[in-house]
Amino acid sequence: MLRRLIAALPLAIALTPLPAAAGPDPLPPFACTGPFAADTDEAALIRQFGRANVVFRAVPAAEGEMVKATVLFPQDRSRRVEIIWLDEKKRRRPGDVLVYDPGPWRTPEGIGIGATLAEVEAANGKPFTLSGFGWDYGGSVLDWDGGRFARTTGGCRLLLRFEPPGTYEGDVDGDREFRSDNKDMRAAKPVVYQMQLSYGGE
């Protein structure tokens, strides 16, 4: 009997499922609460995401400028976040929190980089207003027009920027306002390429 048990032991070990490989910890929602709340600071981000995943450095800004920001996951573009502080000296009180690259960051409503006009309209509950394309602030949402995204929890504003994936027809360029349900805007098929939580001015 003992001999049978010993003989069966290697087979039993081989059939035992191995534990799943641990992946990255799930990320919190991209929202004005949690790690990106109005009262957060760099120390809180280090506690949440780890010292190795939080650096302070210069990053490109609009119109070719460089600004100082705390960067989360600087070696992983899919999880990278840039935080520009209202109090840069003490690295506290976020002014703007920005995501640029496709990855796991999502608003509580499920919107992320690559979302379409239709998906954002559905999450907002109605059409919204955005600027034309082809300039520094092109494709920016200007007004949620009373939709769900106009009432974010936590005291900041959710700002999204869109761009067409390629060439398009229709007159939807320039520093002008367009409704998201404009036929030419829909025909351009723009998708979200930047997400921003803003506690300050534009």
C-alpha atoms as a PDB file:
ATOM      1  CA  MET A   1       0.000   0.000   0.000  1.00  0.00           C
ATOM      2  CA  LEU A   2       2.787   2.415   0.947  1.00  0.00           C
ATOM      3  CA  ARG A   3       4.562   1.601  -2.304  1.00  0.00           C
ATOM      4  CA  ARG A   4       1.403   2.527  -4.291  1.00  0.00           C
ATOM      5  CA  LEU A   5       1.105   5.857  -2.460  1.00  0.00           C
ATOM      6  CA  ILE A   6       4.744   6.735  -3.171  1.00  0.00           C
ATOM      7  CA  ALA A   7       4.330   5.776  -6.852  1.00  0.00           C
ATOM      8  CA  ALA A   8       1.224   7.953  -7.185  1.00  0.00           C
ATOM      9  CA  LEU A   9       2.801  11.000  -5.503  1.00  0.00           C
ATOM     10  CA  PRO A  10       4.588  12.430  -8.614  1.00  0.00           C
ATOM     11  CA  LEU A  11       1.359  12.183 -10.650  1.00  0.00           C
ATOM     12  CA  ALA A  12      -0.604  13.975  -7.948  1.00  0.00           C
ATOM     13  CA  ILE A  13       1.990  16.754  -7.848  1.00  0.00           C
ATOM     14  CA  ALA A  14       1.913  17.082 -11.652  1.00  0.00           C
ATOM     15  CA  LEU A  15      -1.873  17.399 -11.656  1.00  0.00           C
ATOM     16  CA  THR A  16      -1.951  20.072  -8.939  1.00  0.00           C
ATOM     17  CA  PRO A  17      -2.719  23.410 -10.639  1.00  0.00           C
ATOM     18  CA  LEU A  18      -0.043  26.043 -10.221  1.00  0.00           C
ATOM     19  CA  PRO A  19      -1.068  29.401  -8.753  1.00  0.00           C
ATOM     20  CA  ALA A  20      -1.764  32.058 -11.380  1.00  0.00           C
ATOM     21  CA  ALA A  21       1.059  34.487 -12.012  1.00  0.00           C
ATOM     22  CA  ALA A  22       0.487  37.732 -10.184  1.00  0.00           C
ATOM     23  CA  GLY A  23      -0.191  40.636 -12.542  1.00  0.00           C
ATOM     24  CA  PRO A  24      -0.134  44.359 -11.791  1.00  0.00           C
ATOM     25  CA  ASP A  25      -2.450  45.497  -9.032  1.00  0.00           C
ATOM     26  CA  PRO A  26      -5.752  46.767 -10.429  1.00  0.00           C
ATOM     27  CA  LEU A  27      -5.803  50.526 -10.863  1.00  0.00           C
ATOM     28  CA  PRO A  28      -8.335  52.774  -9.146  1.00  0.00           C
ATOM     29  CA  PRO A  29     -10.827  54.728 -11.274  1.00  0.00           C
ATOM     30  CA  PHE A  30      -9.583  57.830 -13.078  1.00  0.00           C
ATOM     31  CA  ALA A  31     -11.650  60.167 -10.945  1.00  0.00           C
ATOM     32  CA  CYS A  32     -11.554  63.197  -8.624  1.00  0.00           C
ATOM     33  CA  THR A  33     -11.524  60.867  -5.621  1.00  0.00           C
ATOM     34  CA  GLY A  34      -9.009  58.334  -4.289  1.00  0.00           C
ATOM     35  CA  PRO A  35      -5.385  58.978  -5.305  1.00  0.00           C
ATOM     36  CA  PHE A  36      -6.356  61.999  -7.442  1.00  0.00           C
ATOM     37  CA  ALA A  37      -8.546  63.745  -4.855  1.00  0.00           C
ATOM     38  CA  ALA A  38      -8.172  67.480  -4.248  1.00  0.00           C
ATOM     39  CA  ASP A  39      -6.164  66.959  -1.052  1.00  0.00           C
ATOM     40  CA  THR A  40      -3.689  64.378  -2.382  1.00  0.00           C
ATOM     41  CA  ASP A  41       0.070  64.908  -2.525  1.00  0.00           C
ATOM     42  CA  GLU A  42       3.122  63.113  -3.854  1.00  0.00           C
ATOM     43  CA  ALA A  43       3.662  61.278  -0.565  1.00  0.00           C
ATOM     44  CA  ALA A  44       0.180  59.750  -0.817  1.00  0.00           C
ATOM     45  CA  LEU A  45       0.888  58.631  -4.388  1.00  0.00           C
ATOM     46  CA  ILE A  46       4.125  56.964  -3.263  1.00  0.00           C
ATOM     47  CA  ARG A  47       2.244  55.087  -0.541  1.00  0.00           C
ATOM     48  CA  GLN A  48      -0.356  53.883  -3.042  1.00  0.00           C
ATOM     49  CA  PHE A  49       1.797  53.077  -6.070  1.00  0.00           C
ATOM     50  CA  GLY A  50       5.294  52.534  -4.634  1.00  0.00           C
ATOM     51  CA  ARG A  51       8.412  54.686  -4.591  1.00  0.00           C
ATOM     52  CA  ALA A  52       9.797  53.124  -7.793  1.00  0.00           C
ATOM     53  CA  ASN A  53       6.638  54.109  -9.709  1.00  0.00           C
ATOM     54  CA  VAL A  54       6.598  57.813  -8.769  1.00  0.00           C
ATOM     55  CA  VAL A  55       9.086  60.384 -10.107  1.00  0.00           C
ATOM     56  CA  PHE A  56       9.195  64.177 -10.364  1.00  0.00           C
ATOM     57  CA  ARG A  57      10.437  65.527 -13.692  1.00  0.00           C
ATOM     58  CA  ALA A  58       9.888  68.005 -16.516  1.00  0.00           C
ATOM     59  CA  VAL A  59       7.231  67.007 -19.056  1.00  0.00           C
ATOM     60  CA  PRO A  60       6.023  68.608 -22.325  1.00  0.00           C
ATOM     61  CA  ALA A  61       3.006  70.902 -22.089  1.00  0.00           C
ATOM     62  CA  ALA A  62       0.881  72.871 -24.545  1.00  0.00           C
ATOM     63  CA  GLU A  63       2.491  75.197 -27.075  1.00  0.00           C
ATOM     64  CA  GLY A  64       5.932  73.610 -26.702  1.00  0.00           C
ATOM     65  CA  GLU A  65       6.424  74.525 -23.040  1.00  0.00           C
ATOM     66  CA  MET A  66       7.917  72.260 -20.350  1.00  0.00           C
ATOM     67  CA  VAL A  67       6.443  71.991 -16.849  1.00  0.00           C
ATOM     68  CA  LYS A  68       7.368  70.048 -13.715  1.00  0.00           C
ATOM     69  CA  ALA A  69       5.085  67.162 -12.842  1.00  0.00           C
ATOM     70  CA  THR A  70       4.901  64.025 -10.755  1.00  0.00           C
ATOM     71  CA  VAL A  71       4.776  61.048 -13.125  1.00  0.00           C
ATOM     72  CA  LEU A  72       3.261  57.688 -12.189  1.00  0.00           C
ATOM     73  CA  PHE A  73       4.671  54.574 -13.884  1.00  0.00           C
ATOM     74  CA  PRO A  74       7.281  56.481 -15.941  1.00  0.00           C
ATOM     75  CA  GLN A  75       8.565  53.235 -17.505  1.00  0.00           C
ATOM     76  CA  ASP A  76       5.111  51.953 -18.518  1.00  0.00           C
ATOM     77  CA  ARG A  77       3.349  54.096 -21.117  1.00  0.00           C
ATOM     78  CA  SER A  78       0.080  52.195 -20.714  1.00  0.00           C
ATOM     79  CA  ARG A  79      -0.195  53.160 -17.027  1.00  0.00           C
ATOM     80  CA  ARG A  80       1.577  56.530 -17.116  1.00  0.00           C
ATOM     81  CA  VAL A  81      -0.143  59.494 -15.446  1.00  0.00           C
ATOM     82  CA  GLU A  82       1.168  63.059 -15.127  1.00  0.00           C
ATOM     83  CA  ILE A  83       0.141  65.240 -12.166  1.00  0.00           C
ATOM     84  CA  ILE A  84       0.808  68.986 -12.339  1.00  0.00           C
ATOM     85  CA  TRP A  85       0.533  70.523  -8.870  1.00  0.00           C
ATOM     86  CA  LEU A  86      -1.078  73.772  -7.778  1.00  0.00           C
ATOM     87  CA  ASP A  87       1.548  73.786  -5.007  1.00  0.00           C
ATOM     88  CA  GLU A  88       4.574  72.607  -6.975  1.00  0.00           C
ATOM     89  CA  LYS A  89       7.067  73.330  -4.181  1.00  0.00           C
ATOM     90  CA  LYS A  90       5.364  70.929  -1.741  1.00  0.00           C
ATOM     91  CA  ARG A  91       3.949  68.700  -4.501  1.00  0.00           C
ATOM     92  CA  ARG A  92       0.419  68.786  -3.210  1.00  0.00           C
ATOM     93  CA  ARG A  93      -3.060  69.798  -4.428  1.00  0.00           C
ATOM     94  CA  PRO A  94      -3.305  68.602  -8.041  1.00  0.00           C
ATOM     95  CA  GLY A  95      -4.094  71.184 -10.693  1.00  0.00           C
ATOM     96  CA  ASP A  96      -4.254  68.787 -13.635  1.00  0.00           C
ATOM     97  CA  VAL A  97      -4.050  64.992 -13.866  1.00  0.00           C
ATOM     98  CA  LEU A  98      -3.374  63.724 -17.386  1.00  0.00           C
ATOM     99  CA  VAL A  99      -3.403  60.414 -19.269  1.00  0.00           C
ATOM    100  CA  TYR A 100      -2.307  60.205 -22.913  1.00  0.00           C
ATOM    101  CA  ASP A 101      -1.775  56.566 -23.854  1.00  0.00           C
ATOM    102  CA  PRO A 102      -4.087  53.566 -24.351  1.00  0.00           C
ATOM    103  CA  GLY A 103      -4.155  51.452 -21.220  1.00  0.00           C
ATOM    104  CA  PRO A 104      -6.204  50.398 -18.201  1.00  0.00           C
ATOM    105  CA  TRP A 105      -7.172  53.825 -16.832  1.00  0.00           C
ATOM    106  CA  ARG A 106     -10.955  54.310 -16.958  1.00  0.00           C
ATOM    107  CA  THR A 107     -13.424  56.821 -15.571  1.00  0.00           C
ATOM    108  CA  PRO A 108     -16.053  55.358 -13.213  1.00  0.00           C
ATOM    109  CA  GLU A 109     -18.330  55.259 -16.289  1.00  0.00           C
ATOM    110  CA  GLY A 110     -15.821  53.113 -18.207  1.00  0.00           C
ATOM    111  CA  ILE A 111     -14.399  55.754 -20.567  1.00  0.00           C
ATOM    112  CA  GLY A 112     -10.714  55.464 -21.492  1.00  0.00           C
ATOM    113  CA  ILE A 113      -8.276  56.428 -24.210  1.00  0.00           C
ATOM    114  CA  GLY A 114      -9.678  55.297 -27.568  1.00  0.00           C
ATOM    115  CA  ALA A 115     -13.346  55.813 -26.643  1.00  0.00           C
ATOM    116  CA  THR A 116     -15.530  56.955 -29.542  1.00  0.00           C
ATOM    117  CA  LEU A 117     -17.913  59.912 -29.720  1.00  0.00           C
ATOM    118  CA  ALA A 118     -20.855  57.538 -29.405  1.00  0.00           C
ATOM    119  CA  GLU A 119     -19.391  55.855 -26.305  1.00  0.00           C
ATOM    120  CA  VAL A 120     -18.732  59.177 -24.597  1.00  0.00           C
ATOM    121  CA  GLU A 121     -22.190  60.471 -25.523  1.00  0.00           C
ATOM    122  CA  ALA A 122     -23.748  57.342 -24.014  1.00  0.00           C
ATOM    123  CA  ALA A 123     -21.739  57.736 -20.798  1.00  0.00           C
ATOM    124  CA  ASN A 124     -22.594  61.451 -20.635  1.00  0.00           C
ATOM    125  CA  GLY A 125     -26.250  60.715 -21.298  1.00  0.00           C
ATOM    126  CA  LYS A 126     -26.506  63.249 -24.128  1.00  0.00           C
ATOM    127  CA  PRO A 127     -24.456  65.001 -26.851  1.00  0.00           C
ATOM    128  CA  PHE A 128     -21.840  67.583 -25.827  1.00  0.00           C
ATOM    129  CA  THR A 129     -19.814  70.448 -27.331  1.00  0.00           C
ATOM    130  CA  LEU A 130     -16.199  70.192 -28.495  1.00  0.00           C
ATOM    131  CA  SER A 131     -13.762  72.318 -30.480  1.00  0.00           C
ATOM    132  CA  GLY A 132     -12.669  71.750 -34.058  1.00  0.00           C
ATOM    133  CA  PHE A 133      -9.460  69.915 -34.941  1.00  0.00           C
ATOM    134  CA  GLY A 134      -6.102  71.020 -36.299  1.00  0.00           C
ATOM    135  CA  TRP A 135      -4.773  73.381 -33.591  1.00  0.00           C
ATOM    136  CA  ASP A 136      -3.152  73.174 -30.130  1.00  0.00           C
ATOM    137  CA  TYR A 137      -6.450  72.734 -28.269  1.00  0.00           C
ATOM    138  CA  GLY A 138      -8.272  70.937 -31.066  1.00  0.00           C
ATOM    139  CA  GLY A 139     -10.850  68.308 -30.193  1.00  0.00           C
ATOM    140  CA  SER A 140     -11.276  69.498 -26.593  1.00  0.00           C
ATOM    141  CA  VAL A 141     -14.618  69.043 -24.873  1.00  0.00           C
ATOM    142  CA  LEU A 142     -15.837  72.567 -24.115  1.00  0.00           C
ATOM    143  CA  ASP A 143     -19.142  71.838 -22.419  1.00  0.00           C
ATOM    144  CA  TRP A 144     -20.872  68.649 -21.287  1.00  0.00           C
ATOM    145  CA  ASP A 145     -24.175  70.483 -21.872  1.00  0.00           C
ATOM    146  CA  GLY A 146     -25.753  69.349 -18.638  1.00  0.00           C
ATOM    147  CA  GLY A 147     -24.829  65.698 -19.062  1.00  0.00           C
ATOM    148  CA  ARG A 148     -23.545  63.252 -16.463  1.00  0.00           C
ATOM    149  CA  PHE A 149     -19.927  64.371 -16.837  1.00  0.00           C
ATOM    150  CA  ALA A 150     -20.872  67.924 -15.872  1.00  0.00           C
ATOM    151  CA  ARG A 151     -21.428  66.719 -12.283  1.00  0.00           C
ATOM    152  CA  THR A 152     -18.253  64.908 -11.252  1.00  0.00           C
ATOM    153  CA  THR A 153     -17.734  63.961  -7.608  1.00  0.00           C
ATOM    154  CA  GLY A 154     -14.738  65.485  -5.864  1.00  0.00           C
ATOM    155  CA  GLY A 155     -14.665  69.064  -7.098  1.00  0.00           C
ATOM    156  CA  CYS A 156     -12.776  68.767 -10.392  1.00  0.00           C
ATOM    157  CA  ARG A 157     -13.803  68.670 -14.048  1.00  0.00           C
ATOM    158  CA  LEU A 158     -13.333  65.801 -16.452  1.00  0.00           C
ATOM    159  CA  LEU A 159     -11.881  67.061 -19.731  1.00  0.00           C
ATOM    160  CA  LEU A 160     -11.461  64.865 -22.805  1.00  0.00           C
ATOM    161  CA  ARG A 161      -9.736  65.577 -26.093  1.00  0.00           C
ATOM    162  CA  PHE A 162     -10.566  63.853 -29.374  1.00  0.00           C
ATOM    163  CA  GLU A 163      -8.747  63.398 -32.659  1.00  0.00           C
ATOM    164  CA  PRO A 164      -9.721  61.668 -35.905  1.00  0.00           C
ATOM    165  CA  PRO A 165      -7.802  58.428 -36.502  1.00  0.00           C
ATOM    166  CA  GLY A 166      -6.832  59.461 -40.050  1.00  0.00           C
ATOM    167  CA  THR A 167      -7.950  61.612 -42.925  1.00  0.00           C
ATOM    168  CA  TYR A 168     -11.536  62.812 -42.897  1.00  0.00           C
ATOM    169  CA  GLU A 169     -13.940  64.926 -44.904  1.00  0.00           C
ATOM    170  CA  GLY A 170     -16.117  67.720 -43.618  1.00  0.00           C
ATOM    171  CA  ASP A 171     -15.495  71.186 -42.241  1.00  0.00           C
ATOM    172  CA  VAL A 172     -14.722  70.448 -38.571  1.00  0.00           C
ATOM    173  CA  ASP A 173     -11.349  72.179 -38.145  1.00  0.00           C
ATOM    174  CA  GLY A 174     -10.218  75.288 -36.302  1.00  0.00           C
ATOM    175  CA  ASP A 175     -11.039  77.233 -33.151  1.00  0.00           C
ATOM    176  CA  ARG A 176     -14.787  76.737 -33.454  1.00  0.00           C
ATOM    177  CA  GLU A 177     -17.481  74.916 -31.485  1.00  0.00           C
ATOM    178  CA  PHE A 178     -19.266  71.805 -32.717  1.00  0.00           C
ATOM    179  CA  ARG A 179     -21.878  69.530 -31.234  1.00  0.00           C
ATOM    180  CA  SER A 180     -20.799  65.922 -30.957  1.00  0.00           C
ATOM    181  CA  ASP A 181     -23.894  64.925 -32.948  1.00  0.00           C
ATOM    182  CA  ASN A 182     -22.929  67.207 -35.855  1.00  0.00           C
ATOM    183  CA  LYS A 183     -22.963  65.033 -38.977  1.00  0.00           C
ATOM    184  CA  ASP A 184     -19.482  66.107 -40.119  1.00  0.00           C
ATOM    185  CA  MET A 185     -18.085  65.580 -36.629  1.00  0.00           C
ATOM    186  CA  ARG A 186     -19.546  62.090 -36.524  1.00  0.00           C
ATOM    187  CA  ALA A 187     -18.188  61.360 -39.995  1.00  0.00           C
ATOM    188  CA  ALA A 188     -14.657  62.240 -38.823  1.00  0.00           C
ATOM    189  CA  LYS A 189     -14.920  59.358 -36.280  1.00  0.00           C
ATOM    190  CA  PRO A 190     -12.691  60.952 -33.633  1.00  0.00           C
ATOM    191  CA  VAL A 191     -11.595  59.024 -30.547  1.00  0.00           C
ATOM    192  CA  VAL A 192     -10.351  60.138 -27.132  1.00  0.00           C
ATOM    193  CA  TYR A 193      -6.573  60.633 -27.062  1.00  0.00           C
ATOM    194  CA  GLN A 194      -6.244  62.556 -23.786  1.00  0.00           C
ATOM    195  CA  MET A 195      -8.062  62.415 -20.446  1.00  0.00           C
ATOM    196  CA  GLN A 196      -7.682  65.158 -17.860  1.00  0.00           C
ATOM    197  CA  LEU A 197      -8.943  65.860 -14.368  1.00  0.00           C
ATOM    198  CA  SER A 198      -8.723  69.602 -13.809  1.00  0.00           C
ATOM    199  CA  TYR A 199      -8.951  71.455 -10.507  1.00  0.00           C
ATOM    200  CA  GLY A 200      -7.756  74.756 -11.962  1.00  0.00           C
ATOM    201  CA  GLY A 201      -8.365  76.828 -15.057  1.00  0.00           C
ATOM    202  CA  GLU A 202      -7.971  75.535 -18.568  1.00  0.00           C
END
